[in-house]
Amino acid sequence: MTLSMKEKKILYAYGCPSHHNTVTRLKWLTALTVDPEAKRRMLGLARKVETEVGENWYEDFYHHLRMEMDEYCRLKRSLRVLKSYTDYEEDLYEEAV
């Protein structure tokens, strides 16, 4: 199953190790969503998880997704810190010239 980054973020926020509970939660979120585009995306993800991911290996899929997204968040945070230090050094360089 191929997921976009938006779908991964949704599953990271609202998913759980139980296949049935995740699909049910995504369907409830679809019902609560007001924006038609977000509603379409959320329902598509719920259907994709329900049909393309088997219940027998969903828990492994979920834990792999959590590890991948944890690493993504860690790298994003590191990049933000790196950018803040880089901007500071560029300012010092401009002042010296």
PDB file of N, CA and C in Angstrom:
ATOM      1  N   MET A   1       0.853  -1.170   0.000  1.00  0.00           N
ATOM      2  CA  MET A   1       0.000   0.000   0.000  1.00  0.00           C
ATOM      3  C   MET A   1       0.896   1.230   0.000  1.00  0.00           C
ATOM      4  N   THR A   2       0.614   2.154  -0.894  1.00  0.00           N
ATOM      5  CA  THR A   2       1.358   3.393  -0.989  1.00  0.00           C
ATOM      6  C   THR A   2       0.541   4.518  -0.372  1.00  0.00           C
ATOM      7  N   LEU A   3       1.165   5.247   0.543  1.00  0.00           N
ATOM      8  CA  LEU A   3       0.492   6.347   1.219  1.00  0.00           C
ATOM      9  C   LEU A   3       1.214   7.654   0.931  1.00  0.00           C
ATOM     10  N   SER A   4       0.446   8.727   0.800  1.00  0.00           N
ATOM     11  CA  SER A   4       1.048  10.045   0.667  1.00  0.00           C
ATOM     12  C   SER A   4       1.458  10.530   2.057  1.00  0.00           C
ATOM     13  N   MET A   5       2.211  11.617   2.104  1.00  0.00           N
ATOM     14  CA  MET A   5       2.647  12.141   3.400  1.00  0.00           C
ATOM     15  C   MET A   5       1.449  12.628   4.212  1.00  0.00           C
ATOM     16  N   LYS A   6       0.446  13.200   3.559  1.00  0.00           N
ATOM     17  CA  LYS A   6      -0.754  13.643   4.277  1.00  0.00           C
ATOM     18  C   LYS A   6      -1.480  12.461   4.903  1.00  0.00           C
ATOM     19  N   GLU A   7      -1.579  11.360   4.166  1.00  0.00           N
ATOM     20  CA  GLU A   7      -2.234  10.164   4.700  1.00  0.00           C
ATOM     21  C   GLU A   7      -1.449   9.581   5.871  1.00  0.00           C
ATOM     22  N   LYS A   8      -0.122   9.596   5.759  1.00  0.00           N
ATOM     23  CA  LYS A   8       0.708   9.096   6.851  1.00  0.00           C
ATOM     24  C   LYS A   8       0.523   9.949   8.102  1.00  0.00           C
ATOM     25  N   LYS A   9       0.433  11.263   7.915  1.00  0.00           N
ATOM     26  CA  LYS A   9       0.238  12.153   9.062  1.00  0.00           C
ATOM     27  C   LYS A   9      -1.116  11.908   9.721  1.00  0.00           C
ATOM     28  N   ILE A  10      -2.143  11.649   8.918  1.00  0.00           N
ATOM     29  CA  ILE A  10      -3.471  11.356   9.469  1.00  0.00           C
ATOM     30  C   ILE A  10      -3.438  10.053  10.264  1.00  0.00           C
ATOM     31  N   LEU A  11      -2.828   9.013   9.698  1.00  0.00           N
ATOM     32  CA  LEU A  11      -2.729   7.739  10.416  1.00  0.00           C
ATOM     33  C   LEU A  11      -1.855   7.859  11.660  1.00  0.00           C
ATOM     34  N   TYR A  12      -0.822   8.684  11.592  1.00  0.00           N
ATOM     35  CA  TYR A  12       0.044   8.896  12.752  1.00  0.00           C
ATOM     36  C   TYR A  12      -0.744   9.533  13.893  1.00  0.00           C
ATOM     37  N   ALA A  13      -1.624  10.467  13.540  1.00  0.00           N
ATOM     38  CA  ALA A  13      -2.397  11.177  14.561  1.00  0.00           C
ATOM     39  C   ALA A  13      -3.587  10.365  15.068  1.00  0.00           C
ATOM     40  N   TYR A  14      -4.283   9.660  14.188  1.00  0.00           N
ATOM     41  CA  TYR A  14      -5.554   9.034  14.562  1.00  0.00           C
ATOM     42  C   TYR A  14      -5.550   7.513  14.552  1.00  0.00           C
ATOM     43  N   GLY A  15      -4.476   6.895  14.099  1.00  0.00           N
ATOM     44  CA  GLY A  15      -4.438   5.436  14.031  1.00  0.00           C
ATOM     45  C   GLY A  15      -4.108   4.798  15.373  1.00  0.00           C
ATOM     46  N   CYS A  16      -4.364   3.510  15.468  1.00  0.00           N
ATOM     47  CA  CYS A  16      -4.004   2.724  16.647  1.00  0.00           C
ATOM     48  C   CYS A  16      -3.660   1.310  16.160  1.00  0.00           C
ATOM     49  N   PRO A  17      -3.097   0.460  17.020  1.00  0.00           N
ATOM     50  CA  PRO A  17      -2.709  -0.884  16.574  1.00  0.00           C
ATOM     51  C   PRO A  17      -3.871  -1.776  16.129  1.00  0.00           C
ATOM     52  N   SER A  18      -5.098  -1.437  16.473  1.00  0.00           N
ATOM     53  CA  SER A  18      -6.254  -2.243  16.085  1.00  0.00           C
ATOM     54  C   SER A  18      -6.783  -1.789  14.724  1.00  0.00           C
ATOM     55  N   HIS A  19      -6.837  -2.707  13.778  1.00  0.00           N
ATOM     56  CA  HIS A  19      -7.315  -2.410  12.425  1.00  0.00           C
ATOM     57  C   HIS A  19      -8.753  -1.915  12.456  1.00  0.00           C
ATOM     58  N   HIS A  20      -9.604  -2.647  13.135  1.00  0.00           N
ATOM     59  CA  HIS A  20     -11.024  -2.307  13.201  1.00  0.00           C
ATOM     60  C   HIS A  20     -11.232  -0.928  13.834  1.00  0.00           C
ATOM     61  N   ASN A  21     -10.550  -0.666  14.951  1.00  0.00           N
ATOM     62  CA  ASN A  21     -10.707   0.621  15.629  1.00  0.00           C
ATOM     63  C   ASN A  21     -10.204   1.780  14.781  1.00  0.00           C
ATOM     64  N   THR A  22      -9.113   1.565  14.041  1.00  0.00           N
ATOM     65  CA  THR A  22      -8.587   2.625  13.181  1.00  0.00           C
ATOM     66  C   THR A  22      -9.571   2.955  12.070  1.00  0.00           C
ATOM     67  N   VAL A  23     -10.103   1.941  11.415  1.00  0.00           N
ATOM     68  CA  VAL A  23     -11.062   2.174  10.331  1.00  0.00           C
ATOM     69  C   VAL A  23     -12.308   2.861  10.876  1.00  0.00           C
ATOM     70  N   THR A  24     -12.802   2.416  12.011  1.00  0.00           N
ATOM     71  CA  THR A  24     -13.982   3.040  12.624  1.00  0.00           C
ATOM     72  C   THR A  24     -13.704   4.491  12.975  1.00  0.00           C
ATOM     73  N   ARG A  25     -12.544   4.756  13.561  1.00  0.00           N
ATOM     74  CA  ARG A  25     -12.183   6.120  13.934  1.00  0.00           C
ATOM     75  C   ARG A  25     -12.080   7.016  12.698  1.00  0.00           C
ATOM     76  N   LEU A  26     -11.486   6.513  11.613  1.00  0.00           N
ATOM     77  CA  LEU A  26     -11.377   7.314  10.386  1.00  0.00           C
ATOM     78  C   LEU A  26     -12.758   7.612   9.795  1.00  0.00           C
ATOM     79  N   LYS A  27     -13.662   6.654   9.882  1.00  0.00           N
ATOM     80  CA  LYS A  27     -15.021   6.893   9.374  1.00  0.00           C
ATOM     81  C   LYS A  27     -15.754   7.928  10.221  1.00  0.00           C
ATOM     82  N   TRP A  28     -15.569   7.871  11.542  1.00  0.00           N
ATOM     83  CA  TRP A  28     -16.183   8.881  12.413  1.00  0.00           C
ATOM     84  C   TRP A  28     -15.599  10.261  12.130  1.00  0.00           C
ATOM     85  N   LEU A  29     -14.298  10.317  11.908  1.00  0.00           N
ATOM     86  CA  LEU A  29     -13.674  11.599  11.570  1.00  0.00           C
ATOM     87  C   LEU A  29     -14.186  12.134  10.242  1.00  0.00           C
ATOM     88  N   THR A  30     -14.439  11.237   9.308  1.00  0.00           N
ATOM     89  CA  THR A  30     -15.010  11.647   8.030  1.00  0.00           C
ATOM     90  C   THR A  30     -16.383  12.271   8.251  1.00  0.00           C
ATOM     91  N   ALA A  31     -17.180  11.672   9.099  1.00  0.00           N
ATOM     92  CA  ALA A  31     -18.519  12.200   9.381  1.00  0.00           C
ATOM     93  C   ALA A  31     -18.448  13.557  10.072  1.00  0.00           C
ATOM     94  N   LEU A  32     -17.418  13.784  10.879  1.00  0.00           N
ATOM     95  CA  LEU A  32     -17.294  15.041  11.614  1.00  0.00           C
ATOM     96  C   LEU A  32     -16.635  16.160  10.809  1.00  0.00           C
ATOM     97  N   THR A  33     -15.964  15.805   9.717  1.00  0.00           N
ATOM     98  CA  THR A  33     -15.245  16.796   8.925  1.00  0.00           C
ATOM     99  C   THR A  33     -16.217  17.627   8.105  1.00  0.00           C
ATOM    100  N   VAL A  34     -15.979  18.937   8.072  1.00  0.00           N
ATOM    101  CA  VAL A  34     -16.871  19.854   7.364  1.00  0.00           C
ATOM    102  C   VAL A  34     -16.386  20.124   5.944  1.00  0.00           C
ATOM    103  N   ASP A  35     -15.092  20.294   5.780  1.00  0.00           N
ATOM    104  CA  ASP A  35     -14.511  20.621   4.477  1.00  0.00           C
ATOM    105  C   ASP A  35     -14.673  19.451   3.504  1.00  0.00           C
ATOM    106  N   PRO A  36     -15.289  19.687   2.333  1.00  0.00           N
ATOM    107  CA  PRO A  36     -15.529  18.581   1.389  1.00  0.00           C
ATOM    108  C   PRO A  36     -14.245  17.910   0.896  1.00  0.00           C
ATOM    109  N   GLU A  37     -13.186  18.686   0.670  1.00  0.00           N
ATOM    110  CA  GLU A  37     -11.928  18.109   0.197  1.00  0.00           C
ATOM    111  C   GLU A  37     -11.298  17.225   1.277  1.00  0.00           C
ATOM    112  N   ALA A  38     -11.289  17.701   2.505  1.00  0.00           N
ATOM    113  CA  ALA A  38     -10.747  16.907   3.616  1.00  0.00           C
ATOM    114  C   ALA A  38     -11.608  15.668   3.857  1.00  0.00           C
ATOM    115  N   LYS A  39     -12.912  15.817   3.711  1.00  0.00           N
ATOM    116  CA  LYS A  39     -13.832  14.687   3.888  1.00  0.00           C
ATOM    117  C   LYS A  39     -13.550  13.604   2.849  1.00  0.00           C
ATOM    118  N   ARG A  40     -13.341  14.020   1.587  1.00  0.00           N
ATOM    119  CA  ARG A  40     -13.043  13.071   0.519  1.00  0.00           C
ATOM    120  C   ARG A  40     -11.731  12.346   0.791  1.00  0.00           C
ATOM    121  N   ARG A  41     -10.720  13.103   1.225  1.00  0.00           N
ATOM    122  CA  ARG A  41      -9.410  12.517   1.511  1.00  0.00           C
ATOM    123  C   ARG A  41      -9.494  11.537   2.688  1.00  0.00           C
ATOM    124  N   MET A  42     -10.222  11.918   3.730  1.00  0.00           N
ATOM    125  CA  MET A  42     -10.345  11.079   4.923  1.00  0.00           C
ATOM    126  C   MET A  42     -11.108   9.776   4.606  1.00  0.00           C
ATOM    127  N   LEU A  43     -12.190   9.884   3.848  1.00  0.00           N
ATOM    128  CA  LEU A  43     -12.957   8.688   3.478  1.00  0.00           C
ATOM    129  C   LEU A  43     -12.131   7.783   2.568  1.00  0.00           C
ATOM    130  N   GLY A  44     -11.378   8.376   1.649  1.00  0.00           N
ATOM    131  CA  GLY A  44     -10.500   7.582   0.789  1.00  0.00           C
ATOM    132  C   GLY A  44      -9.466   6.815   1.596  1.00  0.00           C
ATOM    133  N   LEU A  45      -8.903   7.464   2.605  1.00  0.00           N
ATOM    134  CA  LEU A  45      -7.929   6.787   3.464  1.00  0.00           C
ATOM    135  C   LEU A  45      -8.591   5.673   4.262  1.00  0.00           C
ATOM    136  N   ALA A  46      -9.784   5.924   4.789  1.00  0.00           N
ATOM    137  CA  ALA A  46     -10.499   4.885   5.545  1.00  0.00           C
ATOM    138  C   ALA A  46     -10.768   3.667   4.659  1.00  0.00           C
ATOM    139  N   ARG A  47     -11.190   3.916   3.444  1.00  0.00           N
ATOM    140  CA  ARG A  47     -11.451   2.793   2.520  1.00  0.00           C
ATOM    141  C   ARG A  47     -10.173   2.068   2.142  1.00  0.00           C
ATOM    142  N   LYS A  48      -9.095   2.838   1.950  1.00  0.00           N
ATOM    143  CA  LYS A  48      -7.818   2.234   1.583  1.00  0.00           C
ATOM    144  C   LYS A  48      -7.312   1.320   2.706  1.00  0.00           C
ATOM    145  N   VAL A  49      -7.383   1.794   3.934  1.00  0.00           N
ATOM    146  CA  VAL A  49      -6.926   0.978   5.073  1.00  0.00           C
ATOM    147  C   VAL A  49      -7.817  -0.243   5.230  1.00  0.00           C
ATOM    148  N   GLU A  50      -9.110  -0.071   5.028  1.00  0.00           N
ATOM    149  CA  GLU A  50     -10.054  -1.181   5.202  1.00  0.00           C
ATOM    150  C   GLU A  50      -9.863  -2.267   4.150  1.00  0.00           C
ATOM    151  N   THR A  51      -9.603  -1.873   2.903  1.00  0.00           N
ATOM    152  CA  THR A  51      -9.540  -2.863   1.827  1.00  0.00           C
ATOM    153  C   THR A  51      -8.134  -3.353   1.507  1.00  0.00           C
ATOM    154  N   GLU A  52      -7.129  -2.473   1.599  1.00  0.00           N
ATOM    155  CA  GLU A  52      -5.796  -2.844   1.138  1.00  0.00           C
ATOM    156  C   GLU A  52      -4.895  -3.407   2.226  1.00  0.00           C
ATOM    157  N   VAL A  53      -5.216  -3.157   3.477  1.00  0.00           N
ATOM    158  CA  VAL A  53      -4.373  -3.642   4.575  1.00  0.00           C
ATOM    159  C   VAL A  53      -5.118  -4.762   5.281  1.00  0.00           C
ATOM    160  N   GLY A  54      -4.518  -5.937   5.296  1.00  0.00           N
ATOM    161  CA  GLY A  54      -5.141  -7.069   5.977  1.00  0.00           C
ATOM    162  C   GLY A  54      -5.059  -6.932   7.483  1.00  0.00           C
ATOM    163  N   GLU A  55      -6.078  -7.422   8.161  1.00  0.00           N
ATOM    164  CA  GLU A  55      -6.106  -7.332   9.623  1.00  0.00           C
ATOM    165  C   GLU A  55      -4.960  -8.098  10.265  1.00  0.00           C
ATOM    166  N   ASN A  56      -4.517  -9.171   9.617  1.00  0.00           N
ATOM    167  CA  ASN A  56      -3.490 -10.011  10.219  1.00  0.00           C
ATOM    168  C   ASN A  56      -2.113  -9.344  10.257  1.00  0.00           C
ATOM    169  N   TRP A  57      -1.812  -8.415   9.347  1.00  0.00           N
ATOM    170  CA  TRP A  57      -0.518  -7.746   9.396  1.00  0.00           C
ATOM    171  C   TRP A  57      -0.630  -6.240   9.588  1.00  0.00           C
ATOM    172  N   TYR A  58      -1.818  -5.743   9.933  1.00  0.00           N
ATOM    173  CA  TYR A  58      -1.995  -4.312  10.150  1.00  0.00           C
ATOM    174  C   TYR A  58      -1.157  -3.804  11.327  1.00  0.00           C
ATOM    175  N   GLU A  59      -1.062  -4.589  12.395  1.00  0.00           N
ATOM    176  CA  GLU A  59      -0.314  -4.136  13.564  1.00  0.00           C
ATOM    177  C   GLU A  59       1.150  -3.882  13.224  1.00  0.00           C
ATOM    178  N   ASP A  60       1.762  -4.758  12.420  1.00  0.00           N
ATOM    179  CA  ASP A  60       3.143  -4.537  11.971  1.00  0.00           C
ATOM    180  C   ASP A  60       3.229  -3.294  11.090  1.00  0.00           C
ATOM    181  N   PHE A  61       2.259  -3.131  10.196  1.00  0.00           N
ATOM    182  CA  PHE A  61       2.208  -1.942   9.341  1.00  0.00           C
ATOM    183  C   PHE A  61       2.125  -0.680  10.188  1.00  0.00           C
ATOM    184  N   TYR A  62       1.288  -0.714  11.212  1.00  0.00           N
ATOM    185  CA  TYR A  62       1.101   0.448  12.079  1.00  0.00           C
ATOM    186  C   TYR A  62       2.393   0.796  12.824  1.00  0.00           C
ATOM    187  N   HIS A  63       3.066  -0.193  13.390  1.00  0.00           N
ATOM    188  CA  HIS A  63       4.305   0.073  14.133  1.00  0.00           C
ATOM    189  C   HIS A  63       5.405   0.577  13.201  1.00  0.00           C
ATOM    190  N   HIS A  64       5.460   0.050  11.983  1.00  0.00           N
ATOM    191  CA  HIS A  64       6.432   0.543  11.002  1.00  0.00           C
ATOM    192  C   HIS A  64       6.130   2.002  10.645  1.00  0.00           C
ATOM    193  N   LEU A  65       4.858   2.320  10.470  1.00  0.00           N
ATOM    194  CA  LEU A  65       4.459   3.700  10.172  1.00  0.00           C
ATOM    195  C   LEU A  65       4.829   4.630  11.316  1.00  0.00           C
ATOM    196  N   ARG A  66       4.599   4.202  12.562  1.00  0.00           N
ATOM    197  CA  ARG A  66       4.954   5.030  13.720  1.00  0.00           C
ATOM    198  C   ARG A  66       6.458   5.291  13.765  1.00  0.00           C
ATOM    199  N   MET A  67       7.268   4.260  13.513  1.00  0.00           N
ATOM    200  CA  MET A  67       8.716   4.448  13.513  1.00  0.00           C
ATOM    201  C   MET A  67       9.143   5.411  12.407  1.00  0.00           C
ATOM    202  N   GLU A  68       8.561   5.244  11.225  1.00  0.00           N
ATOM    203  CA  GLU A  68       8.899   6.110  10.099  1.00  0.00           C
ATOM    204  C   GLU A  68       8.520   7.568  10.391  1.00  0.00           C
ATOM    205  N   MET A  69       7.340   7.793  10.944  1.00  0.00           N
ATOM    206  CA  MET A  69       6.896   9.157  11.214  1.00  0.00           C
ATOM    207  C   MET A  69       7.648   9.766  12.403  1.00  0.00           C
ATOM    208  N   ASP A  70       8.025   8.961  13.389  1.00  0.00           N
ATOM    209  CA  ASP A  70       8.852   9.468  14.488  1.00  0.00           C
ATOM    210  C   ASP A  70      10.198   9.955  13.954  1.00  0.00           C
ATOM    211  N   GLU A  71      10.775   9.182  13.056  1.00  0.00           N
ATOM    212  CA  GLU A  71      12.048   9.579  12.436  1.00  0.00           C
ATOM    213  C   GLU A  71      11.866  10.838  11.582  1.00  0.00           C
ATOM    214  N   TYR A  72      10.761  10.916  10.860  1.00  0.00           N
ATOM    215  CA  TYR A  72      10.458  12.103  10.052  1.00  0.00           C
ATOM    216  C   TYR A  72      10.359  13.345  10.942  1.00  0.00           C
ATOM    217  N   CYS A  73       9.656  13.233  12.061  1.00  0.00           N
ATOM    218  CA  CYS A  73       9.511  14.375  12.986  1.00  0.00           C
ATOM    219  C   CYS A  73      10.850  14.750  13.600  1.00  0.00           C
ATOM    220  N   ARG A  74      11.664  13.757  13.937  1.00  0.00           N
ATOM    221  CA  ARG A  74      12.978  14.032  14.512  1.00  0.00           C
ATOM    222  C   ARG A  74      13.865  14.755  13.509  1.00  0.00           C
ATOM    223  N   LEU A  75      13.870  14.304  12.258  1.00  0.00           N
ATOM    224  CA  LEU A  75      14.679  14.937  11.228  1.00  0.00           C
ATOM    225  C   LEU A  75      14.181  16.347  10.906  1.00  0.00           C
ATOM    226  N   LYS A  76      12.877  16.526  10.902  1.00  0.00           N
ATOM    227  CA  LYS A  76      12.309  17.849  10.645  1.00  0.00           C
ATOM    228  C   LYS A  76      12.713  18.831  11.753  1.00  0.00           C
ATOM    229  N   ARG A  77      12.676  18.369  13.001  1.00  0.00           N
ATOM    230  CA  ARG A  77      13.096  19.191  14.129  1.00  0.00           C
ATOM    231  C   ARG A  77      14.579  19.527  14.026  1.00  0.00           C
ATOM    232  N   SER A  78      15.412  18.549  13.653  1.00  0.00           N
ATOM    233  CA  SER A  78      16.847  18.782  13.500  1.00  0.00           C
ATOM    234  C   SER A  78      17.116  19.783  12.388  1.00  0.00           C
ATOM    235  N   LEU A  79      16.382  19.681  11.305  1.00  0.00           N
ATOM    236  CA  LEU A  79      16.547  20.610  10.196  1.00  0.00           C
ATOM    237  C   LEU A  79      16.167  22.027  10.615  1.00  0.00           C
ATOM    238  N   ARG A  80      15.112  22.161  11.407  1.00  0.00           N
ATOM    239  CA  ARG A  80      14.692  23.470  11.889  1.00  0.00           C
ATOM    240  C   ARG A  80      15.783  24.095  12.772  1.00  0.00           C
ATOM    241  N   VAL A  81      16.397  23.285  13.630  1.00  0.00           N
ATOM    242  CA  VAL A  81      17.480  23.771  14.481  1.00  0.00           C
ATOM    243  C   VAL A  81      18.681  24.158  13.630  1.00  0.00           C
ATOM    244  N   LEU A  82      19.003  23.329  12.655  1.00  0.00           N
ATOM    245  CA  LEU A  82      20.134  23.601  11.775  1.00  0.00           C
ATOM    246  C   LEU A  82      19.915  24.904  11.005  1.00  0.00           C
ATOM    247  N   LYS A  83      18.704  25.109  10.514  1.00  0.00           N
ATOM    248  CA  LYS A  83      18.407  26.349   9.795  1.00  0.00           C
ATOM    249  C   LYS A  83      18.542  27.563  10.704  1.00  0.00           C
ATOM    250  N   SER A  84      18.120  27.442  11.944  1.00  0.00           N
ATOM    251  CA  SER A  84      18.225  28.586  12.858  1.00  0.00           C
ATOM    252  C   SER A  84      19.692  28.941  13.109  1.00  0.00           C
ATOM    253  N   TYR A  85      20.580  27.951  13.228  1.00  0.00           N
ATOM    254  CA  TYR A  85      22.003  28.229  13.408  1.00  0.00           C
ATOM    255  C   TYR A  85      22.623  28.755  12.119  1.00  0.00           C
ATOM    256  N   THR A  86      22.198  28.262  10.986  1.00  0.00           N
ATOM    257  CA  THR A  86      22.737  28.702   9.709  1.00  0.00           C
ATOM    258  C   THR A  86      22.386  30.164   9.444  1.00  0.00           C
ATOM    259  N   ASP A  87      21.170  30.572   9.720  1.00  0.00           N
ATOM    260  CA  ASP A  87      20.767  31.968   9.530  1.00  0.00           C
ATOM    261  C   ASP A  87      21.599  32.885  10.415  1.00  0.00           C
ATOM    262  N   TYR A  88      21.881  32.446  11.614  1.00  0.00           N
ATOM    263  CA  TYR A  88      22.662  33.246  12.552  1.00  0.00           C
ATOM    264  C   TYR A  88      24.072  33.459  12.012  1.00  0.00           C
ATOM    265  N   GLU A  89      24.688  32.412  11.499  1.00  0.00           N
ATOM    266  CA  GLU A  89      26.043  32.524  10.978  1.00  0.00           C
ATOM    267  C   GLU A  89      26.080  33.382   9.721  1.00  0.00           C
ATOM    268  N   GLU A  90      25.059  33.316   8.874  1.00  0.00           N
ATOM    269  CA  GLU A  90      25.023  34.161   7.682  1.00  0.00           C
ATOM    270  C   GLU A  90      24.925  35.629   8.069  1.00  0.00           C
ATOM    271  N   ASP A  91      24.170  35.936   9.130  1.00  0.00           N
ATOM    272  CA  ASP A  91      24.079  37.315   9.596  1.00  0.00           C
ATOM    273  C   ASP A  91      25.438  37.814  10.076  1.00  0.00           C
ATOM    274  N   LEU A  92      26.178  36.962  10.771  1.00  0.00           N
ATOM    275  CA  LEU A  92      27.502  37.358  11.238  1.00  0.00           C
ATOM    276  C   LEU A  92      28.439  37.595  10.053  1.00  0.00           C
ATOM    277  N   TYR A  93      28.328  36.787   9.029  1.00  0.00           N
ATOM    278  CA  TYR A  93      29.176  36.936   7.851  1.00  0.00           C
ATOM    279  C   TYR A  93      28.883  38.260   7.150  1.00  0.00           C
ATOM    280  N   GLU A  94      27.598  38.599   7.005  1.00  0.00           N
ATOM    281  CA  GLU A  94      27.217  39.849   6.345  1.00  0.00           C
ATOM    282  C   GLU A  94      27.716  41.047   7.144  1.00  0.00           C
ATOM    283  N   GLU A  95      27.697  40.982   8.475  1.00  0.00           N
ATOM    284  CA  GLU A  95      28.177  42.085   9.299  1.00  0.00           C
ATOM    285  C   GLU A  95      29.688  42.240   9.166  1.00  0.00           C
ATOM    286  N   ALA A  96      30.414  41.145   8.996  1.00  0.00           N
ATOM    287  CA  ALA A  96      31.864  41.205   8.900  1.00  0.00           C
ATOM    288  C   ALA A  96      32.321  41.769   7.569  1.00  0.00           C
ATOM    289  N   VAL A  97      31.522  41.623   6.527  1.00  0.00           N
ATOM    290  CA  VAL A  97      31.914  42.085   5.183  1.00  0.00           C
ATOM    291  C   VAL A  97      31.576  43.490   5.017  1.00  0.00           C
TER     292      VAL A  97
END
